[in-house]
Amino acid sequence: MNFLQSLPIPLQTVLLLVASNVFMTFAWYGHLKNLVTSPWYTAALVSWGIALFEYLLQVPANRIGFTQFNVGQLKIMQEVITLAVFVPFAVFYMGQPLKWDYLWAGLCLVGAVYFIFRGA
């Protein structure tokens, strides 16, 4: 963690949020591929186990980030990161087709980023 603390706070925040999002994406959607034949409660327990690691990264990310960003900025940052992590996951891991809708959703998020950060 000493390496992380030597980085600027915005970069610490983004890196922790990206890492937490990878765990979150696998917790929410990975069971659809890996545990498809398992009962739903097995998938839920496995997902909760994965989500623990997401929270162990996400909570510090937001606490660190809140020293320089407001809560709205943190939320929009999280949404942008979520889409940036989800699209490669959906395409490469889940084998879903790449859709133009991902691009349009990303452009909408660019607008959200503009409006939430324009006063900063």
Protein backbone atom coordinates (compact mmCIF):
# COMPACT_ATOMS: atom_id res chain seq x y z
CA MET A 1 0.00 0.00 0.00
CA ASN A 2 2.98 2.36 0.41
CA PHE A 3 3.34 2.51 -3.37
CA LEU A 4 -0.29 3.53 -3.70
CA GLN A 5 0.08 6.27 -1.09
CA SER A 6 2.93 7.82 -3.06
CA LEU A 7 0.60 8.45 -6.02
CA PRO A 8 -1.59 11.55 -6.39
CA ILE A 9 -4.99 11.18 -4.72
CA PRO A 10 -7.00 11.25 -7.97
CA LEU A 11 -4.85 8.40 -9.35
CA GLN A 12 -5.14 6.42 -6.10
CA THR A 13 -8.91 6.82 -6.31
CA VAL A 14 -9.15 5.73 -9.93
CA LEU A 15 -6.85 2.72 -9.50
CA LEU A 16 -8.74 1.47 -6.45
CA LEU A 17 -12.08 2.00 -8.18
CA VAL A 18 -10.91 0.11 -11.28
CA ALA A 19 -9.69 -2.81 -9.16
CA SER A 20 -12.90 -2.85 -7.12
CA ASN A 21 -14.94 -2.76 -10.31
CA VAL A 22 -13.19 -5.83 -11.68
CA PHE A 23 -14.25 -7.73 -8.56
CA MET A 24 -17.76 -6.26 -8.70
CA THR A 25 -18.23 -7.24 -12.33
CA PHE A 26 -17.15 -10.82 -11.65
CA ALA A 27 -19.37 -10.94 -8.54
CA TRP A 28 -22.43 -9.67 -10.42
CA TYR A 29 -22.01 -11.44 -13.75
CA GLY A 30 -19.27 -14.10 -13.58
CA HIS A 31 -21.66 -16.67 -12.11
CA LEU A 32 -23.70 -16.50 -15.31
CA LYS A 33 -20.85 -18.29 -17.05
CA ASN A 34 -19.15 -20.27 -14.30
CA LEU A 35 -22.00 -21.35 -12.06
CA VAL A 36 -24.81 -21.70 -14.58
CA THR A 37 -25.68 -25.22 -13.41
CA SER A 38 -25.36 -24.43 -9.70
CA PRO A 39 -28.31 -23.44 -7.52
CA TRP A 40 -28.88 -19.70 -7.24
CA TYR A 41 -27.90 -19.67 -3.54
CA THR A 42 -24.49 -21.13 -4.41
CA ALA A 43 -23.99 -18.37 -6.97
CA ALA A 44 -25.13 -15.81 -4.38
CA LEU A 45 -22.66 -17.06 -1.76
CA VAL A 46 -19.78 -17.12 -4.24
CA SER A 47 -20.76 -13.65 -5.45
CA TRP A 48 -20.86 -12.33 -1.89
CA GLY A 49 -17.38 -13.74 -1.32
CA ILE A 50 -16.08 -11.95 -4.40
CA ALA A 51 -17.97 -8.77 -3.48
CA LEU A 52 -16.15 -8.64 -0.15
CA PHE A 53 -12.93 -7.90 -2.05
CA GLU A 54 -14.75 -5.27 -4.08
CA TYR A 55 -15.80 -3.49 -0.90
CA LEU A 56 -12.31 -3.77 0.59
CA LEU A 57 -11.12 -1.66 -2.37
CA GLN A 58 -14.17 0.51 -3.03
CA VAL A 59 -14.59 1.87 0.49
CA PRO A 60 -10.98 3.12 0.75
CA ALA A 61 -11.22 4.48 -2.81
CA ASN A 62 -14.22 6.61 -1.88
CA ARG A 63 -12.72 7.69 1.44
CA ILE A 64 -9.49 8.73 -0.27
CA GLY A 65 -11.30 10.31 -3.21
CA PHE A 66 -13.68 12.27 -0.97
CA THR A 67 -10.72 14.37 0.16
CA GLN A 68 -10.61 15.93 -3.34
CA PHE A 69 -13.91 15.07 -5.01
CA ASN A 70 -17.52 15.52 -3.99
CA VAL A 71 -19.86 12.57 -3.76
CA GLY A 72 -21.44 13.29 -7.15
CA GLN A 73 -18.06 13.33 -8.83
CA LEU A 74 -17.13 10.05 -7.16
CA LYS A 75 -20.38 8.47 -8.35
CA ILE A 76 -19.97 9.59 -11.97
CA MET A 77 -16.33 8.46 -11.90
CA GLN A 78 -17.54 5.07 -10.69
CA GLU A 79 -20.09 4.82 -13.51
CA VAL A 80 -17.50 5.63 -16.17
CA ILE A 81 -15.14 3.03 -14.70
CA THR A 82 -17.99 0.51 -14.52
CA LEU A 83 -18.66 0.81 -18.24
CA ALA A 84 -14.94 0.75 -19.06
CA VAL A 85 -14.55 -2.51 -17.10
CA PHE A 86 -17.86 -4.06 -18.13
CA VAL A 87 -17.50 -3.78 -21.90
CA PRO A 88 -14.24 -5.79 -22.17
CA PHE A 89 -15.63 -8.26 -19.61
CA ALA A 90 -18.83 -8.74 -21.62
CA VAL A 91 -17.01 -9.09 -24.92
CA PHE A 92 -13.91 -11.09 -23.99
CA TYR A 93 -15.00 -13.09 -20.94
CA MET A 94 -18.70 -13.58 -21.54
CA GLY A 95 -18.41 -13.79 -25.33
CA GLN A 96 -21.05 -11.14 -25.97
CA PRO A 97 -20.99 -9.18 -29.22
CA LEU A 98 -19.57 -5.66 -29.14
CA LYS A 99 -22.50 -3.31 -29.69
CA TRP A 100 -22.78 0.29 -30.76
CA ASP A 101 -24.96 0.79 -27.68
CA TYR A 102 -21.82 0.62 -25.53
CA LEU A 103 -20.39 3.56 -27.46
CA TRP A 104 -23.61 5.57 -27.12
CA ALA A 105 -23.75 4.81 -23.39
CA GLY A 106 -20.13 5.93 -23.10
CA LEU A 107 -20.93 9.19 -24.88
CA CYS A 108 -23.77 9.80 -22.45
CA LEU A 109 -21.31 9.29 -19.61
CA VAL A 110 -18.94 11.81 -21.22
CA GLY A 111 -21.79 14.30 -20.91
CA ALA A 112 -22.31 13.30 -17.27
CA VAL A 113 -18.60 13.79 -16.59
CA TYR A 114 -18.72 17.23 -18.19
CA PHE A 115 -21.67 18.39 -16.12
CA ILE A 116 -20.48 16.98 -12.79
CA PHE A 117 -16.91 18.28 -13.15
CA ARG A 118 -17.53 21.61 -14.94
CA GLY A 119 -17.67 23.59 -11.72
CA ALA A 120 -14.59 21.94 -10.25
